[in-house]
Amino acid sequence: MINIQNVSKVYRTDTIETLALQDINLQVAKGEFLSIMGPSGCGKSTLLNIMGLIDEPSSGQVELDGRGVSDYNSRKTARFRNEQLGFIFQSFHLINDLSVIDNVELPMLYRPDVSAKQRKELSAEALAAVGLANRQSHFPSQLSGGQRQRVAIARAVVGKPNIILADEPTGNLDSQMGDEVMQILIDLNENMGTTIVMVTHDERMAQKTHRLVRLFDGTQVV
């Protein structure tokens, strides 16, 4: 499902060159739940952003769902990202002025083949799947941290993506809420076959996934 070949990433300014990733080779099978760990600044989020087509590698190739995407133009990249990928972030990234269901609908607004009625139905279905069917009209400020992360998960899965990329999804939650959010991700993986790649600092959460990859100073630890 994900094939990373000899990927390196260098950030350059006028005077400084920073090597964020060096010669990463990583394959993630369809239906796998993979976690990525490492100290701060080791390149975890950079690698996730490259998988999510948010950032581009300086060298190397990226294949997602059997397609080479490194040379996609911006329009094709945006369409693939919207249709095939779901994103979950540590800080939720919800829009406070929108209701819960309107937040979940957002990715579907960029699909002209999905009607307004279908968007509502799919969003309500996604919210029910994360246990928030009765919170559709609430606003993010009216929810707990765990509930907000559930909304973010519903938004990530509403378009039924093949791949979910989660960057510290339990990082802002206490242990109980973190366990609840993690169980939702495990259920998505087991029941829907969704491929999930999760960056985490939490060894306990990482041990619940199928496989753990460690990074250190931009390189993969064998």
N, C-alpha and C. Protein backbone atom coordinates (compact mmCIF):
# COMPACT_ATOMS: atom_id res chain seq x y z
N MET A 1 0.82 -1.21 0.00
CA MET A 1 0.00 0.00 0.00
C MET A 1 0.86 1.27 0.00
N ILE A 2 1.94 1.26 0.79
CA ILE A 2 2.89 2.39 0.81
C ILE A 2 4.28 1.83 0.55
N ASN A 3 4.98 2.44 -0.39
CA ASN A 3 6.33 2.00 -0.74
C ASN A 3 7.24 3.22 -0.80
N ILE A 4 8.14 3.32 0.17
CA ILE A 4 9.08 4.43 0.25
C ILE A 4 10.45 3.89 -0.16
N GLN A 5 11.05 4.45 -1.22
CA GLN A 5 12.30 3.94 -1.74
C GLN A 5 13.37 5.02 -1.73
N ASN A 6 14.41 4.79 -0.91
CA ASN A 6 15.60 5.66 -0.87
C ASN A 6 15.23 7.14 -0.72
N VAL A 7 14.28 7.41 0.16
CA VAL A 7 13.80 8.78 0.33
C VAL A 7 14.70 9.55 1.29
N SER A 8 15.13 10.72 0.82
CA SER A 8 15.87 11.67 1.65
C SER A 8 15.18 13.02 1.57
N LYS A 9 15.33 13.80 2.63
CA LYS A 9 14.76 15.15 2.65
C LYS A 9 15.77 16.10 3.26
N VAL A 10 16.09 17.16 2.49
CA VAL A 10 17.02 18.18 2.94
C VAL A 10 16.29 19.52 2.91
N TYR A 11 16.34 20.24 4.03
CA TYR A 11 15.80 21.60 4.09
C TYR A 11 16.96 22.58 3.96
N ARG A 12 16.82 23.52 3.05
CA ARG A 12 17.91 24.47 2.79
C ARG A 12 17.45 25.91 2.99
N THR A 13 18.30 26.69 3.62
CA THR A 13 18.15 28.14 3.64
C THR A 13 19.40 28.73 2.98
N ASP A 14 19.56 30.03 3.03
CA ASP A 14 20.72 30.65 2.39
C ASP A 14 22.03 30.18 3.00
N THR A 15 22.01 29.87 4.29
CA THR A 15 23.26 29.55 4.98
C THR A 15 23.29 28.18 5.64
N ILE A 16 22.13 27.54 5.76
CA ILE A 16 22.05 26.29 6.52
C ILE A 16 21.41 25.20 5.68
N GLU A 17 21.96 24.00 5.79
CA GLU A 17 21.39 22.81 5.16
C GLU A 17 21.13 21.78 6.25
N THR A 18 19.86 21.36 6.37
CA THR A 18 19.48 20.41 7.42
C THR A 18 18.98 19.12 6.79
N LEU A 19 19.61 18.03 7.13
CA LEU A 19 19.19 16.72 6.63
C LEU A 19 18.14 16.15 7.56
N ALA A 20 16.88 16.10 7.10
CA ALA A 20 15.79 15.61 7.94
C ALA A 20 15.59 14.10 7.81
N LEU A 21 15.77 13.57 6.61
CA LEU A 21 15.66 12.13 6.38
C LEU A 21 16.78 11.69 5.44
N GLN A 22 17.28 10.49 5.66
CA GLN A 22 18.36 9.99 4.82
C GLN A 22 18.12 8.54 4.43
N ASP A 23 17.90 8.32 3.13
CA ASP A 23 17.81 6.97 2.54
C ASP A 23 16.84 6.07 3.30
N ILE A 24 15.60 6.54 3.42
CA ILE A 24 14.57 5.74 4.09
C ILE A 24 13.96 4.76 3.10
N ASN A 25 13.92 3.50 3.48
CA ASN A 25 13.23 2.47 2.70
C ASN A 25 12.21 1.81 3.62
N LEU A 26 10.95 1.90 3.21
CA LEU A 26 9.88 1.42 4.08
C LEU A 26 8.70 0.97 3.24
N GLN A 27 8.20 -0.22 3.55
CA GLN A 27 7.01 -0.73 2.88
C GLN A 27 5.93 -1.01 3.94
N VAL A 28 4.73 -0.57 3.65
CA VAL A 28 3.59 -0.80 4.53
C VAL A 28 2.55 -1.58 3.74
N ALA A 29 2.19 -2.75 4.22
CA ALA A 29 1.25 -3.61 3.51
C ALA A 29 -0.18 -3.10 3.65
N LYS A 30 -1.02 -3.49 2.72
CA LYS A 30 -2.44 -3.15 2.79
C LYS A 30 -3.03 -3.75 4.06
N GLY A 31 -3.74 -2.92 4.84
CA GLY A 31 -4.36 -3.39 6.06
C GLY A 31 -3.44 -3.44 7.27
N GLU A 32 -2.22 -2.95 7.12
CA GLU A 32 -1.28 -2.95 8.24
C GLU A 32 -1.48 -1.70 9.10
N PHE A 33 -1.19 -1.83 10.39
CA PHE A 33 -1.19 -0.72 11.33
C PHE A 33 0.25 -0.56 11.80
N LEU A 34 0.92 0.47 11.31
CA LEU A 34 2.33 0.70 11.57
C LEU A 34 2.51 1.91 12.46
N SER A 35 3.38 1.82 13.45
CA SER A 35 3.73 2.99 14.25
C SER A 35 5.18 3.38 13.99
N ILE A 36 5.44 4.69 14.08
CA ILE A 36 6.78 5.24 13.90
C ILE A 36 7.14 6.00 15.17
N MET A 37 8.31 5.65 15.74
CA MET A 37 8.76 6.29 16.97
C MET A 37 10.16 6.85 16.79
N GLY A 38 10.52 7.74 17.72
CA GLY A 38 11.86 8.32 17.72
C GLY A 38 11.84 9.61 18.49
N PRO A 39 13.02 10.12 18.85
CA PRO A 39 13.09 11.37 19.61
C PRO A 39 12.62 12.56 18.78
N SER A 40 12.31 13.65 19.45
CA SER A 40 11.89 14.86 18.75
C SER A 40 12.97 15.29 17.75
N GLY A 41 12.51 15.69 16.57
CA GLY A 41 13.43 16.16 15.54
C GLY A 41 14.10 15.07 14.74
N CYS A 42 13.65 13.81 14.90
CA CYS A 42 14.31 12.71 14.18
C CYS A 42 13.77 12.50 12.78
N GLY A 43 12.69 13.22 12.41
CA GLY A 43 12.16 13.09 11.05
C GLY A 43 10.84 12.37 10.94
N LYS A 44 10.22 12.04 12.08
CA LYS A 44 8.96 11.27 12.05
C LYS A 44 7.86 12.01 11.28
N SER A 45 7.61 13.25 11.66
CA SER A 45 6.54 14.01 11.02
C SER A 45 6.89 14.33 9.57
N THR A 46 8.16 14.55 9.30
CA THR A 46 8.57 14.78 7.91
C THR A 46 8.25 13.58 7.05
N LEU A 47 8.54 12.40 7.55
CA LEU A 47 8.24 11.17 6.81
C LEU A 47 6.74 11.02 6.61
N LEU A 48 5.96 11.30 7.63
CA LEU A 48 4.51 11.20 7.52
C LEU A 48 3.98 12.22 6.49
N ASN A 49 4.53 13.42 6.50
CA ASN A 49 4.10 14.44 5.54
C ASN A 49 4.45 14.06 4.11
N ILE A 50 5.56 13.36 3.93
CA ILE A 50 5.92 12.89 2.59
C ILE A 50 4.96 11.79 2.15
N MET A 51 4.62 10.88 3.06
CA MET A 51 3.63 9.85 2.74
C MET A 51 2.28 10.49 2.38
N GLY A 52 1.95 11.60 3.05
CA GLY A 52 0.66 12.26 2.84
C GLY A 52 0.67 13.28 1.72
N LEU A 53 1.78 13.38 0.98
CA LEU A 53 1.90 14.31 -0.16
C LEU A 53 1.76 15.76 0.29
N ILE A 54 2.03 16.02 1.56
CA ILE A 54 2.06 17.39 2.06
C ILE A 54 3.43 18.00 1.81
N ASP A 55 4.46 17.15 1.83
CA ASP A 55 5.83 17.56 1.55
C ASP A 55 6.39 16.65 0.47
N GLU A 56 7.45 17.10 -0.17
CA GLU A 56 8.08 16.32 -1.24
C GLU A 56 9.48 15.89 -0.81
N PRO A 57 9.88 14.67 -1.19
CA PRO A 57 11.25 14.26 -0.87
C PRO A 57 12.26 15.01 -1.74
N SER A 58 13.45 15.19 -1.21
CA SER A 58 14.52 15.77 -2.02
C SER A 58 15.04 14.76 -3.03
N SER A 59 14.96 13.48 -2.67
CA SER A 59 15.33 12.40 -3.58
C SER A 59 14.58 11.15 -3.15
N GLY A 60 14.51 10.19 -4.07
CA GLY A 60 13.81 8.95 -3.78
C GLY A 60 12.40 8.94 -4.38
N GLN A 61 11.73 7.81 -4.21
CA GLN A 61 10.41 7.60 -4.81
C GLN A 61 9.38 7.24 -3.75
N VAL A 62 8.14 7.68 -4.00
CA VAL A 62 7.01 7.36 -3.13
C VAL A 62 5.92 6.73 -3.97
N GLU A 63 5.47 5.54 -3.57
CA GLU A 63 4.34 4.88 -4.21
C GLU A 63 3.24 4.68 -3.18
N LEU A 64 2.03 5.07 -3.54
CA LEU A 64 0.87 4.88 -2.67
C LEU A 64 -0.19 4.12 -3.44
N ASP A 65 -0.67 3.04 -2.86
CA ASP A 65 -1.70 2.22 -3.49
C ASP A 65 -1.28 1.80 -4.90
N GLY A 66 0.01 1.46 -5.05
CA GLY A 66 0.51 0.97 -6.32
C GLY A 66 0.80 2.02 -7.36
N ARG A 67 0.68 3.30 -6.98
CA ARG A 67 0.90 4.37 -7.95
C ARG A 67 2.08 5.24 -7.53
N GLY A 68 2.97 5.51 -8.47
CA GLY A 68 4.06 6.44 -8.20
C GLY A 68 3.52 7.85 -8.17
N VAL A 69 3.67 8.52 -7.04
CA VAL A 69 3.05 9.84 -6.87
C VAL A 69 4.06 10.96 -6.77
N SER A 70 5.34 10.63 -6.84
CA SER A 70 6.37 11.65 -6.65
C SER A 70 6.32 12.73 -7.72
N ASP A 71 5.84 12.38 -8.91
CA ASP A 71 5.83 13.34 -10.02
C ASP A 71 4.44 13.91 -10.32
N TYR A 72 3.49 13.69 -9.42
CA TYR A 72 2.15 14.25 -9.62
C TYR A 72 2.22 15.79 -9.62
N ASN A 73 1.40 16.40 -10.49
CA ASN A 73 1.27 17.86 -10.42
C ASN A 73 0.37 18.22 -9.24
N SER A 74 0.26 19.51 -8.95
CA SER A 74 -0.45 19.94 -7.75
C SER A 74 -1.92 19.53 -7.77
N ARG A 75 -2.56 19.61 -8.93
CA ARG A 75 -3.98 19.26 -9.01
C ARG A 75 -4.19 17.77 -8.77
N LYS A 76 -3.36 16.95 -9.39
CA LYS A 76 -3.50 15.50 -9.24
C LYS A 76 -3.15 15.09 -7.81
N THR A 77 -2.16 15.76 -7.22
CA THR A 77 -1.79 15.48 -5.84
C THR A 77 -2.95 15.79 -4.90
N ALA A 78 -3.57 16.95 -5.08
CA ALA A 78 -4.68 17.35 -4.21
C ALA A 78 -5.84 16.38 -4.33
N ARG A 79 -6.13 15.93 -5.53
CA ARG A 79 -7.24 15.00 -5.73
C ARG A 79 -6.94 13.65 -5.08
N PHE A 80 -5.72 13.16 -5.27
CA PHE A 80 -5.36 11.87 -4.67
C PHE A 80 -5.41 11.97 -3.15
N ARG A 81 -4.88 13.05 -2.60
CA ARG A 81 -4.86 13.24 -1.16
C ARG A 81 -6.28 13.27 -0.60
N ASN A 82 -7.19 13.94 -1.29
CA ASN A 82 -8.56 14.06 -0.82
C ASN A 82 -9.32 12.73 -0.90
N GLU A 83 -9.05 11.94 -1.92
CA GLU A 83 -9.83 10.72 -2.14
C GLU A 83 -9.23 9.49 -1.47
N GLN A 84 -7.92 9.47 -1.29
CA GLN A 84 -7.28 8.24 -0.83
C GLN A 84 -6.68 8.32 0.57
N LEU A 85 -6.51 9.54 1.11
CA LEU A 85 -5.81 9.70 2.37
C LEU A 85 -6.69 10.38 3.41
N GLY A 86 -6.55 9.97 4.66
CA GLY A 86 -7.20 10.64 5.78
C GLY A 86 -6.13 11.05 6.78
N PHE A 87 -6.28 12.24 7.36
CA PHE A 87 -5.26 12.79 8.26
C PHE A 87 -5.83 13.03 9.65
N ILE A 88 -5.06 12.67 10.66
CA ILE A 88 -5.41 12.94 12.06
C ILE A 88 -4.20 13.61 12.71
N PHE A 89 -4.46 14.74 13.39
CA PHE A 89 -3.37 15.51 13.97
C PHE A 89 -3.49 15.57 15.49
N GLN A 90 -2.37 15.83 16.15
CA GLN A 90 -2.34 15.92 17.61
C GLN A 90 -3.24 17.04 18.12
N SER A 91 -3.25 18.16 17.40
CA SER A 91 -4.00 19.34 17.87
C SER A 91 -5.39 19.44 17.23
N PHE A 92 -5.88 18.34 16.69
CA PHE A 92 -7.25 18.18 16.19
C PHE A 92 -7.52 18.95 14.89
N HIS A 93 -7.13 20.25 14.82
CA HIS A 93 -7.33 21.07 13.62
C HIS A 93 -8.81 21.16 13.22
N LEU A 94 -9.66 21.34 14.21
CA LEU A 94 -11.07 21.57 13.94
C LEU A 94 -11.32 23.07 13.82
N ILE A 95 -12.37 23.44 13.10
CA ILE A 95 -12.74 24.84 12.94
C ILE A 95 -13.79 25.17 13.99
N ASN A 96 -13.45 26.05 14.91
CA ASN A 96 -14.30 26.30 16.07
C ASN A 96 -15.66 26.91 15.71
N ASP A 97 -15.72 27.62 14.59
CA ASP A 97 -16.98 28.28 14.21
C ASP A 97 -17.93 27.34 13.49
N LEU A 98 -17.50 26.13 13.21
CA LEU A 98 -18.35 25.15 12.53
C LEU A 98 -18.83 24.10 13.51
N SER A 99 -20.03 23.61 13.31
CA SER A 99 -20.54 22.52 14.15
C SER A 99 -19.73 21.25 13.89
N VAL A 100 -19.94 20.28 14.75
CA VAL A 100 -19.24 19.01 14.62
C VAL A 100 -19.48 18.38 13.26
N ILE A 101 -20.72 18.30 12.84
CA ILE A 101 -21.00 17.63 11.56
C ILE A 101 -20.46 18.43 10.38
N ASP A 102 -20.45 19.76 10.49
CA ASP A 102 -19.88 20.58 9.42
C ASP A 102 -18.37 20.38 9.33
N ASN A 103 -17.70 20.20 10.46
CA ASN A 103 -16.27 19.90 10.44
C ASN A 103 -16.00 18.58 9.74
N VAL A 104 -16.83 17.59 10.04
CA VAL A 104 -16.63 16.27 9.44
C VAL A 104 -16.88 16.30 7.93
N GLU A 105 -17.79 17.15 7.51
CA GLU A 105 -18.13 17.25 6.09
C GLU A 105 -17.02 17.84 5.22
N LEU A 106 -16.11 18.58 5.83
CA LEU A 106 -15.17 19.40 5.06
C LEU A 106 -14.46 18.67 3.91
N PRO A 107 -13.89 17.47 4.13
CA PRO A 107 -13.20 16.82 3.01
C PRO A 107 -14.12 16.51 1.83
N MET A 108 -15.41 16.33 2.11
CA MET A 108 -16.35 15.97 1.05
C MET A 108 -16.75 17.17 0.19
N LEU A 109 -16.49 18.38 0.67
CA LEU A 109 -16.84 19.57 -0.10
C LEU A 109 -16.06 19.64 -1.40
N TYR A 110 -14.93 18.95 -1.46
CA TYR A 110 -14.07 18.98 -2.64
C TYR A 110 -14.33 17.81 -3.58
N ARG A 111 -15.45 17.13 -3.35
CA ARG A 111 -15.84 16.04 -4.25
C ARG A 111 -17.15 16.41 -4.94
N PRO A 112 -17.07 16.90 -6.16
CA PRO A 112 -18.28 17.36 -6.85
C PRO A 112 -19.30 16.27 -7.12
N ASP A 113 -18.87 15.01 -7.05
CA ASP A 113 -19.79 13.90 -7.31
C ASP A 113 -20.62 13.53 -6.08
N VAL A 114 -20.35 14.17 -4.94
CA VAL A 114 -21.08 13.88 -3.71
C VAL A 114 -22.05 15.02 -3.41
N SER A 115 -23.33 14.71 -3.34
CA SER A 115 -24.34 15.74 -3.11
C SER A 115 -24.34 16.19 -1.65
N ALA A 116 -25.00 17.31 -1.39
CA ALA A 116 -25.10 17.83 -0.02
C ALA A 116 -25.78 16.80 0.90
N LYS A 117 -26.81 16.16 0.38
CA LYS A 117 -27.51 15.14 1.17
C LYS A 117 -26.58 13.97 1.50
N GLN A 118 -25.81 13.53 0.51
CA GLN A 118 -24.88 12.44 0.75
C GLN A 118 -23.81 12.83 1.75
N ARG A 119 -23.36 14.08 1.69
CA ARG A 119 -22.34 14.55 2.64
C ARG A 119 -22.86 14.44 4.07
N LYS A 120 -24.10 14.89 4.27
CA LYS A 120 -24.69 14.81 5.61
C LYS A 120 -24.81 13.37 6.08
N GLU A 121 -25.26 12.50 5.18
CA GLU A 121 -25.45 11.10 5.54
C GLU A 121 -24.12 10.43 5.89
N LEU A 122 -23.10 10.67 5.06
CA LEU A 122 -21.79 10.07 5.30
C LEU A 122 -21.17 10.61 6.59
N SER A 123 -21.35 11.91 6.85
CA SER A 123 -20.80 12.52 8.05
C SER A 123 -21.49 11.99 9.30
N ALA A 124 -22.81 11.85 9.24
CA ALA A 124 -23.54 11.29 10.38
C ALA A 124 -23.11 9.84 10.63
N GLU A 125 -22.89 9.10 9.58
CA GLU A 125 -22.43 7.71 9.70
C GLU A 125 -21.05 7.66 10.36
N ALA A 126 -20.15 8.55 9.95
CA ALA A 126 -18.80 8.58 10.51
C ALA A 126 -18.83 8.96 11.99
N LEU A 127 -19.68 9.91 12.35
CA LEU A 127 -19.79 10.32 13.75
C LEU A 127 -20.37 9.19 14.61
N ALA A 128 -21.33 8.48 14.05
CA ALA A 128 -21.89 7.34 14.79
C ALA A 128 -20.82 6.28 15.03
N ALA A 129 -19.94 6.10 14.07
CA ALA A 129 -18.90 5.09 14.19
C ALA A 129 -17.91 5.39 15.30
N VAL A 130 -17.77 6.69 15.66
CA VAL A 130 -16.85 7.06 16.74
C VAL A 130 -17.60 7.42 18.03
N GLY A 131 -18.88 7.08 18.06
CA GLY A 131 -19.66 7.27 19.27
C GLY A 131 -20.12 8.69 19.54
N LEU A 132 -20.27 9.49 18.49
CA LEU A 132 -20.68 10.88 18.68
C LEU A 132 -21.94 11.23 17.88
N ALA A 133 -22.82 10.27 17.72
CA ALA A 133 -24.04 10.51 16.95
C ALA A 133 -24.89 11.60 17.59
N ASN A 134 -24.79 11.77 18.90
CA ASN A 134 -25.61 12.75 19.60
C ASN A 134 -24.91 14.09 19.80
N ARG A 135 -23.78 14.31 19.11
CA ARG A 135 -23.03 15.55 19.25
C ARG A 135 -22.92 16.32 17.93
N GLN A 136 -23.74 15.98 16.96
CA GLN A 136 -23.60 16.56 15.62
C GLN A 136 -23.71 18.08 15.59
N SER A 137 -24.62 18.64 16.39
CA SER A 137 -24.86 20.08 16.36
C SER A 137 -24.01 20.86 17.36
N HIS A 138 -23.20 20.16 18.14
CA HIS A 138 -22.32 20.83 19.08
C HIS A 138 -21.16 21.51 18.33
N PHE A 139 -20.44 22.37 19.05
CA PHE A 139 -19.25 23.01 18.50
C PHE A 139 -18.02 22.46 19.22
N PRO A 140 -16.85 22.50 18.58
CA PRO A 140 -15.65 21.92 19.20
C PRO A 140 -15.40 22.39 20.63
N SER A 141 -15.68 23.66 20.90
CA SER A 141 -15.43 24.20 22.24
C SER A 141 -16.32 23.57 23.31
N GLN A 142 -17.38 22.89 22.89
CA GLN A 142 -18.30 22.24 23.82
C GLN A 142 -17.93 20.78 24.09
N LEU A 143 -16.82 20.34 23.51
CA LEU A 143 -16.42 18.94 23.62
C LEU A 143 -15.14 18.80 24.43
N SER A 144 -14.96 17.62 25.01
CA SER A 144 -13.70 17.30 25.68
C SER A 144 -12.61 17.04 24.63
N GLY A 145 -11.36 16.96 25.09
CA GLY A 145 -10.27 16.67 24.17
C GLY A 145 -10.46 15.35 23.45
N GLY A 146 -10.88 14.32 24.18
CA GLY A 146 -11.10 13.02 23.55
C GLY A 146 -12.21 13.06 22.52
N GLN A 147 -13.26 13.81 22.80
CA GLN A 147 -14.36 13.94 21.84
C GLN A 147 -13.92 14.69 20.60
N ARG A 148 -13.11 15.74 20.79
CA ARG A 148 -12.61 16.48 19.63
C ARG A 148 -11.73 15.59 18.75
N GLN A 149 -10.94 14.73 19.38
CA GLN A 149 -10.12 13.84 18.57
C GLN A 149 -10.99 12.82 17.85
N ARG A 150 -12.10 12.41 18.45
CA ARG A 150 -13.04 11.53 17.76
C ARG A 150 -13.64 12.22 16.54
N VAL A 151 -13.96 13.49 16.68
CA VAL A 151 -14.46 14.26 15.53
C VAL A 151 -13.40 14.28 14.43
N ALA A 152 -12.14 14.49 14.83
CA ALA A 152 -11.06 14.51 13.84
C ALA A 152 -10.93 13.16 13.14
N ILE A 153 -11.13 12.08 13.89
CA ILE A 153 -11.09 10.75 13.27
C ILE A 153 -12.26 10.58 12.30
N ALA A 154 -13.45 11.02 12.71
CA ALA A 154 -14.61 10.94 11.82
C ALA A 154 -14.35 11.71 10.53
N ARG A 155 -13.76 12.88 10.64
CA ARG A 155 -13.43 13.67 9.46
C ARG A 155 -12.42 12.94 8.57
N ALA A 156 -11.47 12.26 9.20
CA ALA A 156 -10.45 11.54 8.44
C ALA A 156 -11.03 10.37 7.67
N VAL A 157 -12.07 9.72 8.21
CA VAL A 157 -12.58 8.49 7.59
C VAL A 157 -13.84 8.71 6.77
N VAL A 158 -14.40 9.92 6.79
CA VAL A 158 -15.70 10.14 6.15
C VAL A 158 -15.67 9.80 4.66
N GLY A 159 -14.55 10.05 4.01
CA GLY A 159 -14.44 9.76 2.59
C GLY A 159 -13.98 8.35 2.28
N LYS A 160 -13.92 7.50 3.33
CA LYS A 160 -13.51 6.11 3.20
C LYS A 160 -12.14 5.97 2.50
N PRO A 161 -11.12 6.62 3.05
CA PRO A 161 -9.79 6.56 2.44
C PRO A 161 -9.16 5.18 2.63
N ASN A 162 -8.21 4.87 1.77
CA ASN A 162 -7.48 3.61 1.89
C ASN A 162 -6.41 3.69 2.97
N ILE A 163 -5.91 4.90 3.22
CA ILE A 163 -4.79 5.09 4.15
C ILE A 163 -5.13 6.21 5.12
N ILE A 164 -4.87 5.98 6.41
CA ILE A 164 -4.97 7.04 7.42
C ILE A 164 -3.58 7.31 7.97
N LEU A 165 -3.21 8.59 8.02
CA LEU A 165 -1.94 9.02 8.56
C LEU A 165 -2.22 9.82 9.83
N ALA A 166 -1.72 9.35 10.96
CA ALA A 166 -2.03 9.95 12.25
C ALA A 166 -0.76 10.43 12.92
N ASP A 167 -0.70 11.72 13.21
CA ASP A 167 0.49 12.33 13.82
C ASP A 167 0.19 12.62 15.29
N GLU A 168 0.71 11.78 16.18
CA GLU A 168 0.51 11.90 17.62
C GLU A 168 -0.98 12.03 17.99
N PRO A 169 -1.83 11.10 17.54
CA PRO A 169 -3.28 11.26 17.76
C PRO A 169 -3.70 11.20 19.22
N THR A 170 -2.85 10.65 20.09
CA THR A 170 -3.19 10.59 21.52
C THR A 170 -2.31 11.52 22.35
N GLY A 171 -1.50 12.33 21.69
CA GLY A 171 -0.50 13.13 22.40
C GLY A 171 -1.06 14.18 23.33
N ASN A 172 -2.25 14.71 23.03
CA ASN A 172 -2.85 15.74 23.86
C ASN A 172 -3.92 15.21 24.82
N LEU A 173 -3.97 13.89 24.97
CA LEU A 173 -5.04 13.27 25.77
C LEU A 173 -4.48 12.57 27.00
N ASP A 174 -5.32 12.47 28.04
CA ASP A 174 -4.90 11.69 29.19
C ASP A 174 -4.94 10.20 28.82
N SER A 175 -4.46 9.36 29.72
CA SER A 175 -4.29 7.94 29.38
C SER A 175 -5.61 7.27 29.03
N GLN A 176 -6.69 7.59 29.75
CA GLN A 176 -7.98 6.96 29.47
C GLN A 176 -8.51 7.38 28.11
N MET A 177 -8.51 8.68 27.84
CA MET A 177 -8.97 9.16 26.55
C MET A 177 -8.07 8.65 25.42
N GLY A 178 -6.77 8.59 25.70
CA GLY A 178 -5.84 8.06 24.70
C GLY A 178 -6.15 6.62 24.35
N ASP A 179 -6.46 5.82 25.37
CA ASP A 179 -6.81 4.42 25.13
C ASP A 179 -8.09 4.32 24.30
N GLU A 180 -9.06 5.19 24.57
CA GLU A 180 -10.32 5.15 23.83
C GLU A 180 -10.10 5.51 22.35
N VAL A 181 -9.31 6.54 22.11
CA VAL A 181 -9.02 6.95 20.74
C VAL A 181 -8.23 5.86 20.02
N MET A 182 -7.27 5.27 20.73
CA MET A 182 -6.47 4.21 20.13
C MET A 182 -7.33 3.02 19.76
N GLN A 183 -8.32 2.69 20.60
CA GLN A 183 -9.20 1.57 20.30
C GLN A 183 -10.04 1.83 19.06
N ILE A 184 -10.44 3.08 18.86
CA ILE A 184 -11.18 3.42 17.64
C ILE A 184 -10.31 3.17 16.40
N LEU A 185 -9.04 3.56 16.48
CA LEU A 185 -8.13 3.33 15.36
C LEU A 185 -7.93 1.83 15.12
N ILE A 186 -7.78 1.07 16.19
CA ILE A 186 -7.63 -0.38 16.05
C ILE A 186 -8.87 -0.99 15.41
N ASP A 187 -10.05 -0.54 15.83
CA ASP A 187 -11.30 -1.05 15.25
C ASP A 187 -11.40 -0.71 13.76
N LEU A 188 -11.01 0.50 13.39
CA LEU A 188 -11.02 0.88 11.97
C LEU A 188 -10.11 -0.03 11.17
N ASN A 189 -8.96 -0.30 11.72
CA ASN A 189 -8.00 -1.16 11.04
C ASN A 189 -8.52 -2.58 10.91
N GLU A 190 -9.08 -3.11 12.00
CA GLU A 190 -9.50 -4.51 12.00
C GLU A 190 -10.81 -4.73 11.25
N ASN A 191 -11.76 -3.81 11.41
CA ASN A 191 -13.09 -4.02 10.85
C ASN A 191 -13.23 -3.51 9.42
N MET A 192 -12.48 -2.46 9.07
CA MET A 192 -12.60 -1.89 7.73
C MET A 192 -11.38 -2.14 6.87
N GLY A 193 -10.32 -2.69 7.47
CA GLY A 193 -9.11 -2.98 6.72
C GLY A 193 -8.32 -1.75 6.32
N THR A 194 -8.56 -0.63 7.02
CA THR A 194 -7.86 0.61 6.69
C THR A 194 -6.39 0.51 7.08
N THR A 195 -5.52 0.88 6.17
CA THR A 195 -4.09 0.94 6.45
C THR A 195 -3.82 2.20 7.27
N ILE A 196 -3.11 2.05 8.39
CA ILE A 196 -2.85 3.19 9.27
C ILE A 196 -1.36 3.29 9.56
N VAL A 197 -0.84 4.51 9.42
CA VAL A 197 0.53 4.82 9.85
C VAL A 197 0.42 5.89 10.93
N MET A 198 0.97 5.61 12.10
CA MET A 198 0.83 6.49 13.24
C MET A 198 2.20 6.88 13.80
N VAL A 199 2.44 8.17 13.90
CA VAL A 199 3.61 8.69 14.61
C VAL A 199 3.23 8.86 16.07
N THR A 200 4.09 8.39 16.98
CA THR A 200 3.78 8.51 18.40
C THR A 200 5.06 8.57 19.23
N HIS A 201 4.97 9.22 20.40
CA HIS A 201 6.04 9.17 21.38
C HIS A 201 5.74 8.12 22.45
N ASP A 202 4.55 7.54 22.40
CA ASP A 202 4.06 6.67 23.47
C ASP A 202 4.34 5.20 23.14
N GLU A 203 5.31 4.63 23.85
CA GLU A 203 5.69 3.23 23.61
C GLU A 203 4.50 2.29 23.82
N ARG A 204 3.66 2.60 24.80
CA ARG A 204 2.51 1.75 25.10
C ARG A 204 1.54 1.70 23.93
N MET A 205 1.30 2.85 23.29
CA MET A 205 0.42 2.89 22.13
C MET A 205 1.05 2.17 20.94
N ALA A 206 2.35 2.38 20.77
CA ALA A 206 3.05 1.74 19.64
C ALA A 206 2.98 0.22 19.73
N GLN A 207 3.02 -0.31 20.94
CA GLN A 207 3.00 -1.76 21.11
C GLN A 207 1.65 -2.38 20.74
N LYS A 208 0.63 -1.55 20.58
CA LYS A 208 -0.69 -2.05 20.20
C LYS A 208 -0.82 -2.19 18.67
N THR A 209 0.15 -1.71 17.93
CA THR A 209 0.09 -1.78 16.47
C THR A 209 0.80 -3.04 15.97
N HIS A 210 0.67 -3.29 14.68
CA HIS A 210 1.25 -4.51 14.11
C HIS A 210 2.78 -4.48 14.08
N ARG A 211 3.32 -3.28 13.82
CA ARG A 211 4.78 -3.18 13.63
C ARG A 211 5.24 -1.80 14.03
N LEU A 212 6.47 -1.75 14.53
CA LEU A 212 7.07 -0.50 15.00
C LEU A 212 8.35 -0.22 14.23
N VAL A 213 8.45 0.99 13.70
CA VAL A 213 9.67 1.45 13.03
C VAL A 213 10.23 2.60 13.84
N ARG A 214 11.53 2.58 14.09
CA ARG A 214 12.17 3.64 14.85
C ARG A 214 13.08 4.47 13.94
N LEU A 215 13.04 5.79 14.16
CA LEU A 215 13.94 6.70 13.47
C LEU A 215 14.85 7.36 14.48
N PHE A 216 16.07 7.67 14.02
CA PHE A 216 17.01 8.42 14.86
C PHE A 216 17.87 9.28 13.94
N ASP A 217 17.82 10.59 14.18
CA ASP A 217 18.59 11.55 13.36
C ASP A 217 18.34 11.35 11.88
N GLY A 218 17.08 11.12 11.51
CA GLY A 218 16.70 11.04 10.11
C GLY A 218 16.98 9.72 9.43
N THR A 219 17.47 8.76 10.18
CA THR A 219 17.75 7.45 9.58
C THR A 219 16.90 6.39 10.28
N GLN A 220 16.66 5.31 9.57
CA GLN A 220 15.86 4.22 10.12
C GLN A 220 16.74 3.29 10.95
N VAL A 221 16.31 3.02 12.17
CA VAL A 221 17.07 2.14 13.06
C VAL A 221 16.65 0.70 12.78
N VAL A 222 17.60 -0.12 12.46
CA VAL A 222 17.31 -1.53 12.15
C VAL A 222 17.20 -2.33 13.44
